[in-house]
PDB file of N, CA and C in Angstrom:
ATOM      1  N   UNK A   1     -18.610   1.852   9.295  1.00  0.00           N
ATOM      2  CA  UNK A   1     -19.253   2.713   8.653  1.00  0.00           C
ATOM      3  C   UNK A   1     -20.453   2.805   8.089  1.00  0.00           C
ATOM      4  N   UNK A   2     -20.965   3.915   7.528  1.00  0.00           N
ATOM      5  CA  UNK A   2     -22.794   3.993   6.641  1.00  0.00           C
ATOM      6  C   UNK A   2     -22.059   3.195   4.844  1.00  0.00           C
ATOM      7  N   UNK A   3     -23.217   2.903   4.467  1.00  0.00           N
ATOM      8  CA  UNK A   3     -22.622   2.556   2.704  1.00  0.00           C
ATOM      9  C   UNK A   3     -22.530   3.115   1.755  1.00  0.00           C
ATOM     10  N   UNK A   4     -23.040   4.990   2.387  1.00  0.00           N
ATOM     11  CA  UNK A   4     -22.722   5.145   1.535  1.00  0.00           C
ATOM     12  C   UNK A   4     -20.858   5.929   1.764  1.00  0.00           C
ATOM     13  N   UNK A   5     -20.594   6.490   2.944  1.00  0.00           N
ATOM     14  CA  UNK A   5     -19.206   6.177   3.585  1.00  0.00           C
ATOM     15  C   UNK A   5     -18.157   5.053   2.843  1.00  0.00           C
ATOM     16  N   UNK A   6     -18.743   4.561   2.838  1.00  0.00           N
ATOM     17  CA  UNK A   6     -17.844   2.618   2.255  1.00  0.00           C
ATOM     18  C   UNK A   6     -17.688   3.056   0.685  1.00  0.00           C
ATOM     19  N   UNK A   7     -19.039   3.556   0.329  1.00  0.00           N
ATOM     20  CA  UNK A   7     -18.527   3.595  -1.504  1.00  0.00           C
ATOM     21  C   UNK A   7     -17.897   4.635  -1.814  1.00  0.00           C
ATOM     22  N   UNK A   8     -17.992   6.418  -0.765  1.00  0.00           N
ATOM     23  CA  UNK A   8     -17.020   7.199  -0.937  1.00  0.00           C
ATOM     24  C   UNK A   8     -15.573   6.603  -0.857  1.00  0.00           C
ATOM     25  N   UNK A   9     -15.209   6.156   0.300  1.00  0.00           N
ATOM     26  CA  UNK A   9     -13.590   5.624   0.700  1.00  0.00           C
ATOM     27  C   UNK A   9     -12.800   4.111  -0.682  1.00  0.00           C
ATOM     28  N   UNK A  10     -14.023   3.631  -0.947  1.00  0.00           N
ATOM     29  CA  UNK A  10     -13.585   2.067  -1.653  1.00  0.00           C
ATOM     30  C   UNK A  10     -13.506   2.760  -3.338  1.00  0.00           C
ATOM     31  N   UNK A  11     -14.527   4.630  -3.828  1.00  0.00           N
ATOM     32  CA  UNK A  11     -14.091   4.920  -5.038  1.00  0.00           C
ATOM     33  C   UNK A  11     -12.907   5.738  -4.738  1.00  0.00           C
ATOM     34  N   UNK A  12     -12.272   6.002  -3.413  1.00  0.00           N
ATOM     35  CA  UNK A  12     -10.926   6.862  -3.296  1.00  0.00           C
ATOM     36  C   UNK A  12      -9.994   5.989  -3.672  1.00  0.00           C
ATOM     37  N   UNK A  13      -9.942   4.498  -3.247  1.00  0.00           N
ATOM     38  CA  UNK A  13      -9.141   3.537  -3.104  1.00  0.00           C
ATOM     39  C   UNK A  13      -8.605   3.061  -4.700  1.00  0.00           C
ATOM     40  N   UNK A  14     -10.052   2.650  -5.133  1.00  0.00           N
ATOM     41  CA  UNK A  14      -9.806   2.651  -6.225  1.00  0.00           C
ATOM     42  C   UNK A  14      -9.138   3.629  -7.684  1.00  0.00           C
ATOM     43  N   UNK A  15      -9.491   5.119  -7.184  1.00  0.00           N
ATOM     44  CA  UNK A  15      -9.132   6.280  -7.995  1.00  0.00           C
ATOM     45  C   UNK A  15      -7.546   5.720  -8.097  1.00  0.00           C
ATOM     46  N   UNK A  16      -6.844   5.790  -7.026  1.00  0.00           N
ATOM     47  CA  UNK A  16      -6.037   6.184  -6.890  1.00  0.00           C
ATOM     48  C   UNK A  16      -5.043   4.716  -7.728  1.00  0.00           C
ATOM     49  N   UNK A  17      -5.542   3.711  -7.836  1.00  0.00           N
ATOM     50  CA  UNK A  17      -4.938   2.975  -9.123  1.00  0.00           C
ATOM     51  C   UNK A  17      -5.671   3.271 -10.272  1.00  0.00           C
ATOM     52  N   UNK A  18      -6.487   3.758 -10.588  1.00  0.00           N
ATOM     53  CA  UNK A  18      -6.549   3.782 -12.196  1.00  0.00           C
ATOM     54  C   UNK A  18      -7.742   5.329 -11.928  1.00  0.00           C
ATOM     55  N   UNK A  19      -7.072   6.720 -12.166  1.00  0.00           N
ATOM     56  CA  UNK A  19      -7.929   7.679 -11.804  1.00  0.00           C
ATOM     57  C   UNK A  19      -9.005   7.777 -13.427  1.00  0.00           C
ATOM     58  N   UNK A  20      -9.386   7.068 -13.701  1.00  0.00           N
ATOM     59  CA  UNK A  20     -10.416   7.540 -14.693  1.00  0.00           C
ATOM     60  C   UNK A  20     -11.573   7.135 -14.629  1.00  0.00           C
ATOM     61  N   UNK A  21     -11.546   6.322 -13.224  1.00  0.00           N
ATOM     62  CA  UNK A  21     -12.828   5.635 -12.277  1.00  0.00           C
ATOM     63  C   UNK A  21     -13.841   6.747 -11.817  1.00  0.00           C
ATOM     64  N   UNK A  22     -14.648   6.772 -12.231  1.00  0.00           N
ATOM     65  CA  UNK A  22     -16.272   7.671 -12.381  1.00  0.00           C
ATOM     66  C   UNK A  22     -17.389   6.995 -11.671  1.00  0.00           C
ATOM     67  N   UNK A  23     -17.312   5.965 -11.161  1.00  0.00           N
ATOM     68  CA  UNK A  23     -18.198   5.545 -10.341  1.00  0.00           C
ATOM     69  C   UNK A  23     -18.426   4.088 -10.422  1.00  0.00           C
ATOM     70  N   UNK A  24     -19.042   3.633  -8.724  1.00  0.00           N
ATOM     71  CA  UNK A  24     -18.885   1.810  -8.762  1.00  0.00           C
ATOM     72  C   UNK A  24     -20.246   1.512  -9.339  1.00  0.00           C
ATOM     73  N   UNK A  25     -20.135   0.426  -9.911  1.00  0.00           N
ATOM     74  CA  UNK A  25     -21.274   0.071 -10.471  1.00  0.00           C
ATOM     75  C   UNK A  25     -22.487  -0.729  -9.389  1.00  0.00           C
ATOM     76  N   UNK A  26     -20.971  -1.598  -9.439  1.00  0.00           N
ATOM     77  CA  UNK A  26     -21.582  -2.564  -8.266  1.00  0.00           C
ATOM     78  C   UNK A  26     -20.447  -3.411  -7.801  1.00  0.00           C
ATOM     79  N   UNK A  27     -20.188  -4.769  -7.271  1.00  0.00           N
ATOM     80  CA  UNK A  27     -19.767  -5.140  -6.250  1.00  0.00           C
ATOM     81  C   UNK A  27     -19.469  -6.301  -5.644  1.00  0.00           C
ATOM     82  N   UNK A  28     -18.881  -7.124  -5.277  1.00  0.00           N
ATOM     83  CA  UNK A  28     -18.619  -8.356  -4.483  1.00  0.00           C
ATOM     84  C   UNK A  28     -17.723  -8.065  -3.704  1.00  0.00           C
ATOM     85  N   UNK A  29     -18.226  -8.250  -2.677  1.00  0.00           N
ATOM     86  CA  UNK A  29     -17.020  -8.563  -1.073  1.00  0.00           C
ATOM     87  C   UNK A  29     -15.996  -9.528  -1.324  1.00  0.00           C
ATOM     88  N   UNK A  30     -15.972 -10.352  -1.808  1.00  0.00           N
ATOM     89  CA  UNK A  30     -14.956 -11.384  -2.095  1.00  0.00           C
ATOM     90  C   UNK A  30     -15.038 -12.675  -3.154  1.00  0.00           C
ATOM     91  N   UNK A  31     -13.753 -12.574  -4.062  1.00  0.00           N
ATOM     92  CA  UNK A  31     -14.539 -13.405  -5.370  1.00  0.00           C
ATOM     93  C   UNK A  31     -12.098 -13.874  -5.875  1.00  0.00           C
ATOM     94  N   UNK A  32     -12.484 -14.506  -5.946  1.00  0.00           N
ATOM     95  CA  UNK A  32     -11.083 -15.547  -6.198  1.00  0.00           C
ATOM     96  C   UNK A  32     -10.688 -15.655  -7.791  1.00  0.00           C
ATOM     97  N   UNK A  33      -9.773 -15.103  -8.415  1.00  0.00           N
ATOM     98  CA  UNK A  33      -9.552 -15.106  -9.648  1.00  0.00           C
ATOM     99  C   UNK A  33      -8.535 -16.669 -10.455  1.00  0.00           C
ATOM    100  N   UNK A  34      -9.592 -17.188 -11.109  1.00  0.00           N
ATOM    101  CA  UNK A  34      -9.242 -18.167 -12.399  1.00  0.00           C
ATOM    102  C   UNK A  34      -9.326 -17.994 -13.495  1.00  0.00           C
ATOM    103  N   UNK A  35      -7.362 -19.104 -13.996  1.00  0.00           N
ATOM    104  CA  UNK A  35      -7.054 -18.749 -14.993  1.00  0.00           C
ATOM    105  C   UNK A  35      -7.791 -20.389 -15.711  1.00  0.00           C
ATOM    106  N   UNK A  36      -7.944 -20.352 -16.866  1.00  0.00           N
ATOM    107  CA  UNK A  36      -8.965 -22.096 -17.688  1.00  0.00           C
ATOM    108  C   UNK A  36      -7.433 -21.787 -18.140  1.00  0.00           C
ATOM    109  N   UNK A  37      -6.702 -23.313 -18.227  1.00  0.00           N
ATOM    110  CA  UNK A  37      -5.491 -23.782 -18.824  1.00  0.00           C
ATOM    111  C   UNK A  37      -6.530 -24.865 -19.713  1.00  0.00           C
ATOM    112  N   UNK A  38      -5.853 -24.852 -21.089  1.00  0.00           N
ATOM    113  CA  UNK A  38      -7.115 -25.579 -22.052  1.00  0.00           C
ATOM    114  C   UNK A  38      -5.966 -26.786 -22.391  1.00  0.00           C
ATOM    115  N   UNK A  39      -4.534 -26.959 -21.618  1.00  0.00           N
ATOM    116  CA  UNK A  39      -4.124 -27.966 -21.711  1.00  0.00           C
ATOM    117  C   UNK A  39      -4.507 -29.080 -21.093  1.00  0.00           C
ATOM    118  N   UNK A  40      -4.193 -28.604 -19.788  1.00  0.00           N
ATOM    119  CA  UNK A  40      -4.932 -29.412 -18.508  1.00  0.00           C
ATOM    120  C   UNK A  40      -6.519 -29.826 -18.601  1.00  0.00           C
ATOM    121  N   UNK A  41      -6.912 -28.813 -19.135  1.00  0.00           N
ATOM    122  CA  UNK A  41      -9.054 -28.880 -19.105  1.00  0.00           C
ATOM    123  C   UNK A  41      -8.917 -28.176 -17.852  1.00  0.00           C
ATOM    124  N   UNK A  42      -7.958 -27.702 -16.981  1.00  0.00           N
ATOM    125  CA  UNK A  42      -8.048 -27.362 -15.735  1.00  0.00           C
ATOM    126  C   UNK A  42      -7.833 -25.645 -15.529  1.00  0.00           C
ATOM    127  N   UNK A  43      -8.614 -25.347 -14.031  1.00  0.00           N
ATOM    128  CA  UNK A  43      -8.670 -23.899 -13.546  1.00  0.00           C
ATOM    129  C   UNK A  43      -8.190 -24.046 -12.623  1.00  0.00           C
ATOM    130  N   UNK A  44      -7.159 -22.924 -12.311  1.00  0.00           N
ATOM    131  CA  UNK A  44      -6.196 -22.778 -12.006  1.00  0.00           C
ATOM    132  C   UNK A  44      -5.682 -21.297 -11.278  1.00  0.00           C
ATOM    133  N   UNK A  45      -5.499 -21.064  -9.679  1.00  0.00           N
ATOM    134  CA  UNK A  45      -5.545 -19.849  -8.918  1.00  0.00           C
ATOM    135  C   UNK A  45      -4.884 -18.747  -9.630  1.00  0.00           C
ATOM    136  N   UNK A  46      -5.005 -17.943 -10.063  1.00  0.00           N
ATOM    137  CA  UNK A  46      -4.252 -16.302 -10.230  1.00  0.00           C
ATOM    138  C   UNK A  46      -3.425 -16.156  -8.998  1.00  0.00           C
ATOM    139  N   UNK A  47      -3.594 -16.008  -7.573  1.00  0.00           N
ATOM    140  CA  UNK A  47      -2.993 -15.488  -7.137  1.00  0.00           C
ATOM    141  C   UNK A  47      -3.606 -14.003  -7.101  1.00  0.00           C
ATOM    142  N   UNK A  48      -5.116 -13.709  -7.454  1.00  0.00           N
ATOM    143  CA  UNK A  48      -5.997 -12.757  -7.292  1.00  0.00           C
ATOM    144  C   UNK A  48      -7.218 -12.990  -6.145  1.00  0.00           C
ATOM    145  N   UNK A  49      -7.683 -12.552  -4.959  1.00  0.00           N
ATOM    146  CA  UNK A  49      -8.489 -12.124  -4.179  1.00  0.00           C
ATOM    147  C   UNK A  49      -8.688 -11.502  -3.279  1.00  0.00           C
ATOM    148  N   UNK A  50      -9.931 -11.135  -3.112  1.00  0.00           N
ATOM    149  CA  UNK A  50     -10.344 -10.123  -2.702  1.00  0.00           C
ATOM    150  C   UNK A  50     -11.930  -9.775  -3.204  1.00  0.00           C
ATOM    151  N   UNK A  51     -12.281  -8.081  -3.178  1.00  0.00           N
ATOM    152  CA  UNK A  51     -13.282  -7.315  -3.768  1.00  0.00           C
ATOM    153  C   UNK A  51     -13.409  -7.043  -4.700  1.00  0.00           C
ATOM    154  N   UNK A  52     -14.344  -7.798  -5.656  1.00  0.00           N
ATOM    155  CA  UNK A  52     -14.116  -7.187  -6.382  1.00  0.00           C
ATOM    156  C   UNK A  52     -15.026  -5.982  -7.405  1.00  0.00           C
ATOM    157  N   UNK A  53     -14.802  -4.992  -8.155  1.00  0.00           N
ATOM    158  CA  UNK A  53     -15.833  -4.028  -8.279  1.00  0.00           C
ATOM    159  C   UNK A  53     -15.952  -3.696  -9.648  1.00  0.00           C
ATOM    160  N   UNK A  54     -17.263  -3.240 -10.367  1.00  0.00           N
ATOM    161  CA  UNK A  54     -17.700  -2.870 -11.381  1.00  0.00           C
ATOM    162  C   UNK A  54     -17.592  -1.856 -11.302  1.00  0.00           C
ATOM    163  N   UNK A  55     -16.561  -1.288 -12.624  1.00  0.00           N
ATOM    164  CA  UNK A  55     -16.691   0.626 -12.377  1.00  0.00           C
ATOM    165  C   UNK A  55     -16.792   0.993 -13.364  1.00  0.00           C
ATOM    166  N   UNK A  56     -17.180   1.996 -14.045  1.00  0.00           N
ATOM    167  CA  UNK A  56     -17.284   3.149 -14.626  1.00  0.00           C
ATOM    168  C   UNK A  56     -16.653   3.649 -14.950  1.00  0.00           C
ATOM    169  N   UNK A  57     -15.964   4.053 -16.236  1.00  0.00           N
ATOM    170  CA  UNK A  57     -14.973   5.174 -16.899  1.00  0.00           C
ATOM    171  C   UNK A  57     -15.041   6.025 -17.100  1.00  0.00           C
ATOM    172  N   UNK A  58     -13.826   7.150 -17.183  1.00  0.00           N
ATOM    173  CA  UNK A  58     -14.187   8.328 -17.855  1.00  0.00           C
ATOM    174  C   UNK A  58     -13.678   8.154 -19.637  1.00  0.00           C
ATOM    175  N   UNK A  59     -13.123   7.143 -19.677  1.00  0.00           N
ATOM    176  CA  UNK A  59     -12.590   7.081 -21.052  1.00  0.00           C
ATOM    177  C   UNK A  59     -12.448   5.632 -21.112  1.00  0.00           C
ATOM    178  N   UNK A  60     -12.347   5.090 -22.103  1.00  0.00           N
ATOM    179  CA  UNK A  60     -12.243   3.904 -22.625  1.00  0.00           C
ATOM    180  C   UNK A  60     -11.254   2.917 -21.940  1.00  0.00           C
ATOM    181  N   UNK A  61     -11.518   1.545 -21.573  1.00  0.00           N
ATOM    182  CA  UNK A  61     -12.454   0.717 -21.671  1.00  0.00           C
ATOM    183  C   UNK A  61     -13.809   1.547 -20.650  1.00  0.00           C
ATOM    184  N   UNK A  62     -14.609   2.043 -20.964  1.00  0.00           N
ATOM    185  CA  UNK A  62     -16.149   2.617 -20.616  1.00  0.00           C
ATOM    186  C   UNK A  62     -16.137   1.317 -19.142  1.00  0.00           C
ATOM    187  N   UNK A  63     -16.475   0.671 -19.370  1.00  0.00           N
ATOM    188  CA  UNK A  63     -16.351  -0.623 -18.004  1.00  0.00           C
ATOM    189  C   UNK A  63     -15.220  -1.110 -17.872  1.00  0.00           C
ATOM    190  N   UNK A  64     -14.775  -1.530 -16.635  1.00  0.00           N
ATOM    191  CA  UNK A  64     -13.698  -2.551 -16.387  1.00  0.00           C
ATOM    192  C   UNK A  64     -14.571  -2.999 -14.610  1.00  0.00           C
ATOM    193  N   UNK A  65     -13.831  -4.423 -14.931  1.00  0.00           N
ATOM    194  CA  UNK A  65     -13.522  -5.618 -13.458  1.00  0.00           C
ATOM    195  C   UNK A  65     -12.765  -5.227 -13.113  1.00  0.00           C
ATOM    196  N   UNK A  66     -12.421  -4.907 -11.560  1.00  0.00           N
ATOM    197  CA  UNK A  66     -11.404  -4.717 -10.728  1.00  0.00           C
ATOM    198  C   UNK A  66     -11.276  -5.716  -9.961  1.00  0.00           C
ATOM    199  N   UNK A  67     -10.586  -6.283  -9.306  1.00  0.00           N
ATOM    200  CA  UNK A  67      -9.885  -7.164  -8.127  1.00  0.00           C
ATOM    201  C   UNK A  67      -8.999  -6.168  -7.180  1.00  0.00           C
ATOM    202  N   UNK A  68      -9.424  -6.038  -5.940  1.00  0.00           N
ATOM    203  CA  UNK A  68      -8.038  -5.356  -5.033  1.00  0.00           C
ATOM    204  C   UNK A  68      -7.986  -6.697  -4.935  1.00  0.00           C
ATOM    205  N   UNK A  69      -6.467  -6.683  -4.532  1.00  0.00           N
ATOM    206  CA  UNK A  69      -5.834  -8.084  -4.183  1.00  0.00           C
ATOM    207  C   UNK A  69      -5.437  -8.269  -3.227  1.00  0.00           C
ATOM    208  N   UNK A  70      -5.284  -8.277  -2.114  1.00  0.00           N
ATOM    209  CA  UNK A  70      -5.540  -9.126  -0.928  1.00  0.00           C
ATOM    210  C   UNK A  70      -4.095  -9.683  -0.722  1.00  0.00           C
ATOM    211  N   UNK A  71      -3.866 -10.312  -1.641  1.00  0.00           N
ATOM    212  CA  UNK A  71      -2.543 -11.659  -1.603  1.00  0.00           C
ATOM    213  C   UNK A  71      -1.765 -10.331  -2.415  1.00  0.00           C
ATOM    214  N   UNK A  72      -1.446  -9.934  -2.714  1.00  0.00           N
ATOM    215  CA  UNK A  72      -0.292  -8.782  -3.618  1.00  0.00           C
ATOM    216  C   UNK A  72      -0.426  -7.501  -3.233  1.00  0.00           C
ATOM    217  N   UNK A  73       0.502  -7.232  -4.278  1.00  0.00           N
ATOM    218  CA  UNK A  73       0.438  -5.593  -4.327  1.00  0.00           C
ATOM    219  C   UNK A  73      -0.406  -5.712  -5.990  1.00  0.00           C
ATOM    220  N   UNK A  74      -0.468  -6.553  -6.331  1.00  0.00           N
ATOM    221  CA  UNK A  74      -0.674  -6.473  -8.064  1.00  0.00           C
ATOM    222  C   UNK A  74      -2.014  -6.277  -7.898  1.00  0.00           C
ATOM    223  N   UNK A  75      -3.324  -5.647  -7.864  1.00  0.00           N
ATOM    224  CA  UNK A  75      -4.515  -5.506  -8.617  1.00  0.00           C
ATOM    225  C   UNK A  75      -4.916  -6.637  -9.654  1.00  0.00           C
ATOM    226  N   UNK A  76      -6.605  -6.856  -9.853  1.00  0.00           N
ATOM    227  CA  UNK A  76      -6.278  -7.208 -11.256  1.00  0.00           C
ATOM    228  C   UNK A  76      -7.537  -6.192 -12.061  1.00  0.00           C
ATOM    229  N   UNK A  77      -7.699  -6.073 -13.338  1.00  0.00           N
ATOM    230  CA  UNK A  77      -8.220  -5.530 -14.317  1.00  0.00           C
ATOM    231  C   UNK A  77      -8.348  -5.733 -15.656  1.00  0.00           C
ATOM    232  N   UNK A  78      -9.495  -5.709 -16.103  1.00  0.00           N
ATOM    233  CA  UNK A  78      -9.671  -6.542 -16.958  1.00  0.00           C
ATOM    234  C   UNK A  78     -11.100  -5.319 -17.767  1.00  0.00           C
ATOM    235  N   UNK A  79     -10.917  -4.537 -18.951  1.00  0.00           N
ATOM    236  CA  UNK A  79     -11.649  -3.879 -19.499  1.00  0.00           C
ATOM    237  C   UNK A  79     -12.671  -4.721 -20.138  1.00  0.00           C
ATOM    238  N   UNK A  80     -13.778  -3.941 -19.835  1.00  0.00           N
ATOM    239  CA  UNK A  80     -15.013  -4.978 -20.059  1.00  0.00           C
ATOM    240  C   UNK A  80     -15.251  -4.535 -21.741  1.00  0.00           C
ATOM    241  N   UNK A  81     -15.901  -5.395 -22.517  1.00  0.00           N
ATOM    242  CA  UNK A  81     -15.413  -4.509 -24.530  1.00  0.00           C
ATOM    243  C   UNK A  81     -17.261  -5.583 -25.134  1.00  0.00           C
ATOM    244  N   UNK A  82     -17.722  -5.668 -26.122  1.00  0.00           N
ATOM    245  CA  UNK A  82     -18.577  -5.917 -26.929  1.00  0.00           C
ATOM    246  C   UNK A  82     -18.413  -7.332 -26.927  1.00  0.00           C
ATOM    247  N   UNK A  83     -16.691  -7.650 -27.102  1.00  0.00           N
ATOM    248  CA  UNK A  83     -16.178  -8.954 -27.908  1.00  0.00           C
ATOM    249  C   UNK A  83     -16.185  -9.460 -27.034  1.00  0.00           C
ATOM    250  N   UNK A  84     -16.170  -9.451 -25.642  1.00  0.00           N
ATOM    251  CA  UNK A  84     -16.189 -10.074 -24.351  1.00  0.00           C
ATOM    252  C   UNK A  84     -17.430 -11.309 -24.423  1.00  0.00           C
ATOM    253  N   UNK A  85     -17.250 -12.039 -24.109  1.00  0.00           N
ATOM    254  CA  UNK A  85     -17.906 -13.549 -23.845  1.00  0.00           C
ATOM    255  C   UNK A  85     -18.359 -13.345 -22.461  1.00  0.00           C
ATOM    256  N   UNK A  86     -19.617 -12.862 -21.866  1.00  0.00           N
ATOM    257  CA  UNK A  86     -19.834 -13.168 -20.040  1.00  0.00           C
ATOM    258  C   UNK A  86     -20.460 -14.058 -19.662  1.00  0.00           C
ATOM    259  N   UNK A  87     -20.724 -15.067 -18.895  1.00  0.00           N
ATOM    260  CA  UNK A  87     -21.736 -15.542 -18.588  1.00  0.00           C
ATOM    261  C   UNK A  87     -21.250 -15.935 -16.916  1.00  0.00           C
ATOM    262  N   UNK A  88     -23.148 -16.426 -16.219  1.00  0.00           N
ATOM    263  CA  UNK A  88     -22.805 -16.518 -14.504  1.00  0.00           C
ATOM    264  C   UNK A  88     -23.499 -18.166 -14.542  1.00  0.00           C
ATOM    265  N   UNK A  89     -22.944 -18.560 -13.730  1.00  0.00           N
ATOM    266  CA  UNK A  89     -23.433 -20.295 -13.745  1.00  0.00           C
ATOM    267  C   UNK A  89     -23.045 -19.965 -11.902  1.00  0.00           C
ATOM    268  N   UNK A  90     -23.571 -20.739 -11.455  1.00  0.00           N
ATOM    269  CA  UNK A  90     -24.330 -20.369 -10.213  1.00  0.00           C
ATOM    270  C   UNK A  90     -22.973 -19.024  -9.139  1.00  0.00           C
ATOM    271  N   UNK A  91     -22.276 -19.297  -8.729  1.00  0.00           N
ATOM    272  CA  UNK A  91     -21.538 -18.187  -8.079  1.00  0.00           C
ATOM    273  C   UNK A  91     -20.562 -18.153  -8.707  1.00  0.00           C
ATOM    274  N   UNK A  92     -20.321 -18.420  -9.658  1.00  0.00           N
ATOM    275  CA  UNK A  92     -19.785 -18.290 -10.926  1.00  0.00           C
ATOM    276  C   UNK A  92     -19.520 -17.377 -11.800  1.00  0.00           C
ATOM    277  N   UNK A  93     -18.744 -16.235 -11.881  1.00  0.00           N
ATOM    278  CA  UNK A  93     -18.743 -15.390 -13.141  1.00  0.00           C
ATOM    279  C   UNK A  93     -17.893 -15.855 -14.149  1.00  0.00           C
ATOM    280  N   UNK A  94     -17.727 -16.101 -15.852  1.00  0.00           N
ATOM    281  CA  UNK A  94     -16.930 -16.740 -16.388  1.00  0.00           C
ATOM    282  C   UNK A  94     -17.037 -15.426 -17.915  1.00  0.00           C
ATOM    283  N   UNK A  95     -15.841 -15.313 -18.150  1.00  0.00           N
ATOM    284  CA  UNK A  95     -15.753 -14.360 -19.278  1.00  0.00           C
ATOM    285  C   UNK A  95     -14.188 -15.077 -19.756  1.00  0.00           C
ATOM    286  N   UNK A  96     -14.604 -14.357 -21.473  1.00  0.00           N
ATOM    287  CA  UNK A  96     -13.583 -14.798 -22.255  1.00  0.00           C
ATOM    288  C   UNK A  96     -13.936 -14.196 -23.210  1.00  0.00           C
ATOM    289  N   UNK A  97     -11.970 -13.707 -23.606  1.00  0.00           N
ATOM    290  CA  UNK A  97     -11.971 -12.578 -24.650  1.00  0.00           C
ATOM    291  C   UNK A  97     -11.605 -12.951 -25.972  1.00  0.00           C
ATOM    292  N   UNK A  98     -12.310 -12.525 -27.056  1.00  0.00           N
ATOM    293  CA  UNK A  98     -11.776 -13.143 -28.241  1.00  0.00           C
ATOM    294  C   UNK A  98     -10.451 -13.865 -28.733  1.00  0.00           C
ATOM    295  N   UNK A  99      -9.309 -13.702 -27.745  1.00  0.00           N
ATOM    296  CA  UNK A  99      -8.211 -13.892 -27.875  1.00  0.00           C
ATOM    297  C   UNK A  99      -8.453 -15.101 -27.008  1.00  0.00           C
ATOM    298  N   UNK A 100      -9.099 -15.469 -26.055  1.00  0.00           N
ATOM    299  CA  UNK A 100      -8.818 -16.708 -25.451  1.00  0.00           C
ATOM    300  C   UNK A 100      -8.499 -16.435 -23.862  1.00  0.00           C
ATOM    301  N   UNK A 101      -8.359 -15.092 -23.546  1.00  0.00           N
ATOM    302  CA  UNK A 101      -8.133 -14.862 -21.873  1.00  0.00           C
ATOM    303  C   UNK A 101      -8.668 -14.778 -21.552  1.00  0.00           C
TER     304      UNK A 101
END
């Protein structure tokens, strides 16, 4: 499948989960989602693995991170906002919300 058809297929799948998705801005073919446990000072897998999409939406939040989960039916979605802290370290994308999530 060529790149254009693949992007259209991915966009169609994303819109089934969120009708407000208007565009795929970028993607990573495989990611694993972790949560940081401050009490243990350790990272723990969240049970979410799959393709990560950065999407533009037609309504707020205007951009989101979406992982189409290969391990379960529940996908991972987080709306991006100016109050979030985001950094990249090597192969890792780390974000923190004002509430610490």
